[in-house]
Amino acid sequence: MTASPHPAPQGAPRSRPVPNSTGSVSTVPEWGTEVDWASGTLRERTGGRPSTQWRPAPQPGTLPKRPFTFFETLDGGFRLLRFAPGATFGFAMIVYTLVTLAAALVVTLLIVGNLGYVGRVLSNPEAGVGLNLVLQTVTATASLLALSLVLLLSAFVAVAAEAATSSERMRLSEVWRRLRGRRLRLVGLCAAGFVAHLVMLGIAVAPGVLLVLFAPVAGVLVATLGVVAWMVATVWLFTKCSLAGAAIAVEGLGLVASVRRSWDLTRGAFWKSTGQFVVSYFLSSQIINLILSPILIILFFLFVLVFVLLTLDGGSGALSFLGFGLSIGMGTLIATVTIGATALMFAYLSGVVAMVYLDRRMRREGYDLVLLRRAEVDEAQATKDADSIDVAVQLAREDVRA
């Protein structure tokens, strides 16, 4: 038996006879056949062999589409400040300015309503020392109470951070529109966080305040220990609930569901998340102090210089008016610089919270795969649209030539 002069190449698909519509038998490769379920026989595949098209990997975004390391999370806060300044620093500046004005109004009303008491306290040196201690405690307490603003700020930053994984730059107006229907929930969450911290503070210092009536020294000591315990509880509660705002913004959850979601995402990573928040808070505070201190020193020197000139002049009308105007201007400038620096610190901290939210979802739920798939679909759609535009342009050129 002689071999075929043209043997089939190795690896070629096997063939089998397939009856066609005319009754004759044709030989087609097996991969080109399909089952005719009406007759139970094979027939030629009508659609042909499915074609696949190679596509390149999605382009990297401003934020990587994978879980973040500890220091990448800290660096992500700075990246978001540069990439989306409106949604980070711009919104933080607006919110913190409004909060500062409201707090200044409340403090002014309290001072005006108790001018006699304030005057007696200031005239007593021992009472002045106690007042200074109270003011320092109130300042530290207010800074911790202001952490509830992060629940609102981080929601806006989380929307921008999710878009930054695909290098999509979002303005503040776009984020505002994206959060339509969720903004009231975010404000309610921020208010609930503030009230919860305030209630915890009241419970912590209540024993010391009551003890002051009978033993002042022991009461002050107990109240101080209560404030320290409240600070520890504030850090714990902030870590557990810090991702609730981002959950409302990105996932559209309700108030209670968002708190449960944050509680669940931080489970198993409490100390890591706490470390990231604490380090970012102190890091941003030190950076802001390095920037703010020279500016405040210069402004204070100018203020003293104006005061000395007014004193040497003897109080002439023109120079006094000029000095009064300069004093108001410098006071306003100092307040603006302080508010801007504090808003920058809170914007960075909110960016870190948004980074932690994305990292926890990637590690627990594989959210990085969702981001990769979304980027592939977006790039494929963009390529398809570009090809459609090229075909339309080519057809238009042919019509013009015809």
Protein backbone atom coordinates (compact mmCIF):
# COMPACT_ATOMS: atom_id res chain seq x y z
CA MET A 1 0.00 0.00 0.00
CA THR A 2 1.56 3.27 -1.14
CA ALA A 3 1.52 6.38 1.02
CA SER A 4 -0.26 9.52 -0.09
CA PRO A 5 2.05 11.86 -2.02
CA HIS A 6 0.67 14.81 0.01
CA PRO A 7 0.34 13.70 3.62
CA ALA A 8 -1.69 15.88 5.98
CA PRO A 9 0.50 18.06 8.19
CA GLN A 10 0.87 17.17 11.84
CA GLY A 11 -1.51 19.01 14.14
CA ALA A 12 -4.11 19.61 11.42
CA PRO A 13 -7.69 19.18 12.62
CA ARG A 14 -9.22 15.82 11.83
CA SER A 15 -11.99 15.70 9.22
CA ARG A 16 -15.17 13.69 8.95
CA PRO A 17 -17.78 13.36 6.21
CA VAL A 18 -20.79 15.62 6.75
CA PRO A 19 -23.97 15.31 4.63
CA ASN A 20 -25.05 18.63 3.17
CA SER A 21 -28.45 19.83 1.99
CA THR A 22 -28.06 18.25 -1.50
CA GLY A 23 -27.45 14.77 -0.10
CA SER A 24 -23.77 14.65 -1.06
CA VAL A 25 -21.08 14.19 1.52
CA SER A 26 -18.39 16.80 2.12
CA THR A 27 -15.37 16.58 4.37
CA VAL A 28 -14.87 19.48 6.81
CA PRO A 29 -12.67 19.87 9.90
CA GLU A 30 -14.27 18.98 13.22
CA TRP A 31 -13.76 22.48 14.67
CA GLY A 32 -15.88 23.80 11.79
CA THR A 33 -18.87 21.59 12.62
CA GLU A 34 -21.80 21.82 15.02
CA VAL A 35 -24.62 19.52 16.03
CA ASP A 36 -27.94 19.82 14.23
CA TRP A 37 -30.22 19.12 17.16
CA ALA A 38 -33.19 18.45 14.87
CA SER A 39 -31.54 15.44 13.15
CA GLY A 40 -28.74 14.63 15.57
CA THR A 41 -26.09 14.87 12.84
CA LEU A 42 -23.13 17.16 12.36
CA ARG A 43 -23.28 20.07 10.00
CA GLU A 44 -21.00 22.88 8.97
CA ARG A 45 -20.82 25.69 11.52
CA THR A 46 -22.87 28.59 10.23
CA GLY A 47 -21.13 31.31 12.17
CA GLY A 48 -17.62 30.16 11.38
CA ARG A 49 -14.83 29.89 13.86
CA PRO A 50 -15.17 32.44 16.67
CA SER A 51 -12.55 35.15 16.35
CA THR A 52 -10.67 36.70 19.23
CA GLN A 53 -8.89 40.02 19.20
CA TRP A 54 -5.80 40.74 21.26
CA ARG A 55 -5.94 43.83 23.38
CA PRO A 56 -3.12 45.43 25.36
CA ALA A 57 -3.26 45.64 29.15
CA PRO A 58 -5.08 48.67 30.55
CA GLN A 59 -2.96 51.76 31.01
CA PRO A 60 -1.85 52.41 34.59
CA GLY A 61 -3.71 55.15 36.41
CA THR A 62 -2.62 57.70 38.96
CA LEU A 63 -3.34 55.07 41.62
CA PRO A 64 -2.35 51.43 41.02
CA LYS A 65 -5.09 48.88 40.41
CA ARG A 66 -3.85 46.54 43.13
CA PRO A 67 -3.72 46.48 46.93
CA PHE A 68 -1.53 49.20 48.41
CA THR A 69 1.37 48.87 50.79
CA PHE A 70 1.52 50.83 54.04
CA PHE A 71 3.58 53.68 52.62
CA GLU A 72 1.77 53.68 49.26
CA THR A 73 -1.37 54.51 51.21
CA LEU A 74 0.36 57.49 52.81
CA ASP A 75 1.76 58.61 49.47
CA GLY A 76 -1.67 58.23 47.87
CA GLY A 77 -2.97 61.14 49.96
CA PHE A 78 -0.39 63.45 48.37
CA ARG A 79 -1.10 62.04 44.90
CA LEU A 80 -4.79 62.79 45.24
CA LEU A 81 -4.02 66.34 46.39
CA ARG A 82 -2.05 66.92 43.19
CA PHE A 83 -4.35 65.01 40.84
CA ALA A 84 -7.74 66.23 42.10
CA PRO A 85 -7.16 69.47 44.05
CA GLY A 86 -10.77 70.61 43.75
CA ALA A 87 -12.32 67.47 45.24
CA THR A 88 -9.68 67.31 47.99
CA PHE A 89 -8.32 70.68 49.09
CA GLY A 90 -11.02 72.83 47.48
CA PHE A 91 -13.93 71.11 49.19
CA ALA A 92 -12.03 70.87 52.50
CA MET A 93 -11.36 74.62 52.34
CA ILE A 94 -15.05 75.37 51.83
CA VAL A 95 -16.23 73.08 54.62
CA TYR A 96 -13.61 74.11 57.16
CA THR A 97 -14.19 77.81 56.48
CA LEU A 98 -17.90 77.41 57.16
CA VAL A 99 -17.24 75.42 60.32
CA THR A 100 -14.69 77.98 61.56
CA LEU A 101 -17.07 80.87 60.97
CA ALA A 102 -19.86 79.04 62.83
CA ALA A 103 -17.54 78.23 65.75
CA ALA A 104 -16.28 81.85 65.88
CA LEU A 105 -19.86 83.09 65.98
CA VAL A 106 -20.72 80.79 68.89
CA VAL A 107 -17.58 81.76 70.84
CA THR A 108 -18.24 85.47 70.25
CA LEU A 109 -21.80 85.17 71.52
CA LEU A 110 -20.61 83.34 74.64
CA ILE A 111 -17.96 85.98 75.39
CA VAL A 112 -20.33 88.89 74.80
CA GLY A 113 -22.95 87.31 77.05
CA ASN A 114 -20.46 86.76 79.88
CA LEU A 115 -18.20 89.82 79.70
CA GLY A 116 -18.34 90.42 83.45
CA TYR A 117 -17.30 86.87 84.31
CA VAL A 118 -14.53 86.90 81.70
CA GLY A 119 -13.21 90.19 83.10
CA ARG A 120 -13.08 88.81 86.65
CA VAL A 121 -11.26 85.68 85.49
CA LEU A 122 -8.67 87.68 83.56
CA SER A 123 -8.05 89.97 86.55
CA ASN A 124 -7.24 86.99 88.79
CA PRO A 125 -3.77 85.48 88.02
CA GLU A 126 -4.62 82.05 89.42
CA ALA A 127 -7.87 81.97 87.49
CA GLY A 128 -5.97 83.06 84.39
CA VAL A 129 -3.69 80.03 84.65
CA GLY A 130 -6.70 77.77 85.00
CA LEU A 131 -8.37 79.45 82.05
CA ASN A 132 -5.25 78.89 79.94
CA LEU A 133 -5.31 75.18 80.83
CA VAL A 134 -8.99 74.96 79.96
CA LEU A 135 -8.42 76.69 76.62
CA GLN A 136 -5.62 74.28 75.71
CA THR A 137 -7.81 71.31 76.62
CA VAL A 138 -10.70 72.72 74.61
CA THR A 139 -8.41 73.28 71.61
CA ALA A 140 -7.14 69.69 71.69
CA THR A 141 -10.69 68.42 72.14
CA ALA A 142 -11.97 70.53 69.25
CA SER A 143 -9.24 69.18 66.96
CA LEU A 144 -10.37 65.62 67.72
CA LEU A 145 -14.03 66.52 67.35
CA ALA A 146 -13.18 67.95 63.93
CA LEU A 147 -12.22 64.43 62.84
CA SER A 148 -15.92 63.84 62.22
CA LEU A 149 -15.53 66.18 59.23
CA VAL A 150 -13.34 63.50 57.64
CA LEU A 151 -16.43 61.32 57.22
CA LEU A 152 -17.82 63.98 54.86
CA LEU A 153 -14.57 64.96 53.16
CA SER A 154 -13.44 61.38 52.52
CA ALA A 155 -16.67 60.69 50.61
CA PHE A 156 -15.81 63.31 48.00
CA VAL A 157 -12.20 62.16 47.86
CA ALA A 158 -13.23 58.50 47.47
CA VAL A 159 -15.15 59.29 44.28
CA ALA A 160 -12.12 61.11 42.89
CA ALA A 161 -9.80 58.30 44.05
CA GLU A 162 -11.82 55.62 42.27
CA ALA A 163 -11.66 57.67 39.07
CA ALA A 164 -7.92 58.24 39.59
CA THR A 165 -7.25 54.51 39.20
CA SER A 166 -8.07 55.05 35.51
CA SER A 167 -6.38 58.49 35.32
CA GLU A 168 -9.78 60.16 35.08
CA ARG A 169 -9.45 63.63 36.55
CA MET A 170 -12.69 64.70 38.27
CA ARG A 171 -13.52 68.28 39.17
CA LEU A 172 -15.38 69.26 42.30
CA SER A 173 -18.51 70.03 40.27
CA GLU A 174 -18.43 66.54 38.73
CA VAL A 175 -18.05 64.89 42.14
CA TRP A 176 -20.89 67.04 43.45
CA ARG A 177 -23.18 65.84 40.64
CA ARG A 178 -22.07 62.23 41.14
CA LEU A 179 -23.18 62.41 44.78
CA ARG A 180 -26.67 63.63 44.00
CA GLY A 181 -29.13 61.93 46.33
CA ARG A 182 -26.37 60.99 48.80
CA ARG A 183 -25.26 64.38 50.09
CA LEU A 184 -27.86 64.58 52.88
CA ARG A 185 -26.84 61.13 54.11
CA LEU A 186 -23.23 62.29 54.26
CA VAL A 187 -24.14 65.41 56.23
CA GLY A 188 -26.24 63.26 58.59
CA LEU A 189 -23.34 60.85 59.05
CA CYS A 190 -20.97 63.73 59.86
CA ALA A 191 -23.44 65.19 62.39
CA ALA A 192 -24.03 61.76 63.98
CA GLY A 193 -20.27 61.25 64.34
CA PHE A 194 -19.87 64.66 66.01
CA VAL A 195 -22.72 63.97 68.45
CA ALA A 196 -21.33 60.50 69.26
CA HIS A 197 -17.89 61.94 70.07
CA LEU A 198 -19.48 64.70 72.16
CA VAL A 199 -21.60 62.21 74.13
CA MET A 200 -18.54 60.05 74.77
CA LEU A 201 -16.67 63.13 76.01
CA GLY A 202 -19.50 64.01 78.38
CA ILE A 203 -19.59 60.51 79.82
CA ALA A 204 -15.80 60.49 80.26
CA VAL A 205 -15.51 63.80 82.12
CA ALA A 206 -18.79 63.65 84.08
CA PRO A 207 -17.29 61.83 87.12
CA GLY A 208 -14.47 64.36 87.39
CA VAL A 209 -16.83 67.34 87.08
CA LEU A 210 -19.02 65.97 89.87
CA LEU A 211 -15.99 65.23 92.06
CA VAL A 212 -14.73 68.82 91.68
CA LEU A 213 -17.62 69.98 93.87
CA PHE A 214 -16.28 67.98 96.83
CA ALA A 215 -12.54 67.57 96.12
CA PRO A 216 -11.24 70.01 93.49
CA VAL A 217 -7.78 68.48 93.06
CA ALA A 218 -9.07 64.92 92.77
CA GLY A 219 -11.85 66.09 90.47
CA VAL A 220 -9.41 67.74 88.07
CA LEU A 221 -7.25 64.61 88.07
CA VAL A 222 -10.22 62.34 87.34
CA ALA A 223 -11.48 64.68 84.62
CA THR A 224 -8.01 64.69 83.00
CA LEU A 225 -7.92 60.90 83.01
CA GLY A 226 -11.40 60.93 81.50
CA VAL A 227 -10.22 63.17 78.66
CA VAL A 228 -7.30 60.80 77.98
CA ALA A 229 -9.67 57.82 77.95
CA TRP A 230 -11.96 59.74 75.59
CA MET A 231 -9.05 60.42 73.21
CA VAL A 232 -8.25 56.70 73.06
CA ALA A 233 -11.92 55.86 72.48
CA THR A 234 -12.11 58.54 69.78
CA VAL A 235 -9.20 57.01 67.88
CA TRP A 236 -10.79 53.56 68.13
CA LEU A 237 -14.23 54.76 67.01
CA PHE A 238 -12.76 56.85 64.20
CA THR A 239 -10.87 53.87 62.80
CA LYS A 240 -13.90 51.58 62.92
CA CYS A 241 -16.27 54.12 61.31
CA SER A 242 -13.86 56.04 59.07
CA LEU A 243 -14.86 54.23 55.85
CA ALA A 244 -18.60 54.88 56.23
CA GLY A 245 -18.56 58.10 54.20
CA ALA A 246 -16.70 56.44 51.33
CA ALA A 247 -19.17 53.54 51.42
CA ILE A 248 -22.09 55.96 51.05
CA ALA A 249 -20.41 57.81 48.19
CA VAL A 250 -19.19 54.82 46.17
CA GLU A 251 -21.73 52.12 47.04
CA GLY A 252 -24.81 54.25 47.79
CA LEU A 253 -25.49 52.70 51.21
CA GLY A 254 -27.62 54.16 53.98
CA LEU A 255 -26.39 55.53 57.30
CA VAL A 256 -26.60 52.34 59.36
CA ALA A 257 -25.50 50.12 56.47
CA SER A 258 -22.47 52.32 55.81
CA VAL A 259 -21.33 52.09 59.45
CA ARG A 260 -21.72 48.30 59.34
CA ARG A 261 -19.81 48.25 56.07
CA SER A 262 -16.94 50.26 57.58
CA TRP A 263 -16.94 48.02 60.64
CA ASP A 264 -16.68 44.94 58.40
CA LEU A 265 -13.96 46.34 56.12
CA THR A 266 -11.70 47.26 59.04
CA ARG A 267 -12.09 43.83 60.65
CA GLY A 268 -8.74 42.08 60.62
CA ALA A 269 -6.83 45.26 59.77
CA PHE A 270 -7.63 47.52 62.72
CA TRP A 271 -4.06 48.12 63.87
CA LYS A 272 -2.77 48.65 60.35
CA SER A 273 -5.51 51.16 59.58
CA THR A 274 -5.02 52.90 62.92
CA GLY A 275 -1.30 53.15 62.27
CA GLN A 276 -1.90 54.66 58.84
CA PHE A 277 -4.34 57.23 60.24
CA VAL A 278 -2.13 58.19 63.19
CA VAL A 279 1.02 58.48 61.07
CA SER A 280 -0.77 60.51 58.40
CA TYR A 281 -2.30 62.81 61.05
CA PHE A 282 1.02 63.58 62.74
CA LEU A 283 2.90 63.73 59.43
CA SER A 284 0.49 66.24 57.97
CA SER A 285 0.46 68.21 61.24
CA GLN A 286 4.25 68.54 61.24
CA ILE A 287 4.37 69.54 57.58
CA ILE A 288 1.69 72.16 58.12
CA ASN A 289 3.55 73.52 61.17
CA LEU A 290 6.76 73.80 59.14
CA ILE A 291 4.91 75.80 56.49
CA LEU A 292 2.72 77.80 58.83
CA SER A 293 5.24 78.81 61.51
CA PRO A 294 7.45 81.10 59.33
CA ILE A 295 4.38 82.78 57.82
CA LEU A 296 2.85 83.46 61.24
CA ILE A 297 6.17 84.76 62.59
CA ILE A 298 6.47 87.23 59.69
CA LEU A 299 2.89 88.41 60.10
CA PHE A 300 3.33 88.78 63.86
CA PHE A 301 6.50 90.83 63.30
CA LEU A 302 4.63 93.12 60.91
CA PHE A 303 1.83 93.50 63.44
CA VAL A 304 4.29 94.49 66.18
CA LEU A 305 6.00 96.92 63.79
CA VAL A 306 2.71 98.64 63.04
CA PHE A 307 1.92 98.84 66.75
CA VAL A 308 5.33 100.42 67.49
CA LEU A 309 4.88 102.98 64.72
CA LEU A 310 1.49 103.93 66.09
CA THR A 311 2.95 104.33 69.57
CA LEU A 312 5.81 106.55 68.38
CA ASP A 313 3.51 108.67 66.23
CA GLY A 314 1.40 109.64 69.19
CA GLY A 315 -1.89 108.63 67.66
CA SER A 316 -2.33 110.96 64.64
CA GLY A 317 -5.57 110.38 62.80
CA ALA A 318 -4.26 109.29 59.40
CA LEU A 319 -1.66 106.89 60.73
CA SER A 320 -4.06 105.50 63.32
CA PHE A 321 -6.63 104.79 60.62
CA LEU A 322 -3.95 103.17 58.47
CA GLY A 323 -2.76 101.08 61.39
CA PHE A 324 -6.30 99.99 62.20
CA GLY A 325 -6.83 98.90 58.61
CA LEU A 326 -3.51 97.06 58.51
CA SER A 327 -4.34 95.30 61.78
CA ILE A 328 -7.65 94.08 60.40
CA GLY A 329 -5.98 93.01 57.17
CA MET A 330 -3.22 91.11 58.92
CA GLY A 331 -5.69 89.48 61.27
CA THR A 332 -7.77 88.35 58.30
CA LEU A 333 -4.63 87.11 56.54
CA ILE A 334 -3.54 85.13 59.59
CA ALA A 335 -6.99 83.56 59.89
CA THR A 336 -7.02 82.72 56.16
CA VAL A 337 -3.57 81.11 56.28
CA THR A 338 -4.49 79.11 59.37
CA ILE A 339 -7.77 77.90 57.87
CA GLY A 340 -6.05 77.01 54.59
CA ALA A 341 -3.30 75.04 56.34
CA THR A 342 -5.79 73.16 58.50
CA ALA A 343 -7.98 72.43 55.47
CA LEU A 344 -4.92 71.06 53.67
CA MET A 345 -4.21 68.75 56.60
CA PHE A 346 -7.77 67.43 56.65
CA ALA A 347 -7.76 67.04 52.85
CA TYR A 348 -4.65 64.87 53.06
CA LEU A 349 -6.10 62.80 55.91
CA SER A 350 -9.30 62.32 53.89
CA GLY A 351 -7.20 61.12 50.95
CA VAL A 352 -5.54 58.52 53.18
CA VAL A 353 -8.98 57.36 54.36
CA ALA A 354 -10.08 56.96 50.72
CA MET A 355 -6.92 54.97 49.97
CA VAL A 356 -7.58 52.68 52.94
CA TYR A 357 -11.15 52.15 51.70
CA LEU A 358 -9.97 51.05 48.24
CA ASP A 359 -7.21 48.88 49.72
CA ARG A 360 -9.57 47.05 52.06
CA ARG A 361 -12.04 46.34 49.26
CA MET A 362 -9.24 45.03 47.05
CA ARG A 363 -7.91 42.71 49.72
CA ARG A 364 -11.27 41.41 50.96
CA GLU A 365 -13.38 41.40 47.78
CA GLY A 366 -10.99 41.47 44.83
CA TYR A 367 -12.10 44.97 43.90
CA ASP A 368 -8.86 45.40 41.95
CA LEU A 369 -10.19 42.86 39.42
CA VAL A 370 -13.34 44.93 39.05
CA LEU A 371 -11.24 48.03 38.37
CA LEU A 372 -9.12 46.15 35.83
CA ARG A 373 -12.17 44.82 34.02
CA ARG A 374 -13.76 48.25 34.01
CA ALA A 375 -10.58 49.75 32.54
CA GLU A 376 -10.47 47.05 29.83
CA VAL A 377 -14.09 47.71 28.87
CA ASP A 378 -13.54 51.47 28.79
CA GLU A 379 -10.41 51.16 26.64
CA ALA A 380 -12.13 48.68 24.29
CA GLN A 381 -15.06 51.06 23.91
CA ALA A 382 -12.67 53.95 23.28
CA THR A 383 -10.83 51.91 20.65
CA LYS A 384 -14.12 50.92 19.00
CA ASP A 385 -15.25 54.53 18.93
CA ALA A 386 -11.91 55.59 17.44
CA ASP A 387 -12.17 52.89 14.74
CA SER A 388 -15.72 54.00 13.95
CA ILE A 389 -14.52 57.57 13.59
CA ASP A 390 -11.68 56.45 11.29
CA VAL A 391 -14.10 54.49 9.08
CA ALA A 392 -16.50 57.43 8.91
CA VAL A 393 -13.67 59.76 7.96
CA GLN A 394 -12.48 57.35 5.28
CA LEU A 395 -15.98 57.02 3.81
CA ALA A 396 -16.36 60.80 3.83
CA ARG A 397 -13.08 61.18 1.96
CA GLU A 398 -14.16 58.61 -0.62
CA ASP A 399 -17.46 60.45 -1.10
CA VAL A 400 -15.58 63.67 -1.63
CA ARG A 401 -13.32 62.06 -4.22
CA ALA A 402 -16.29 60.55 -6.03
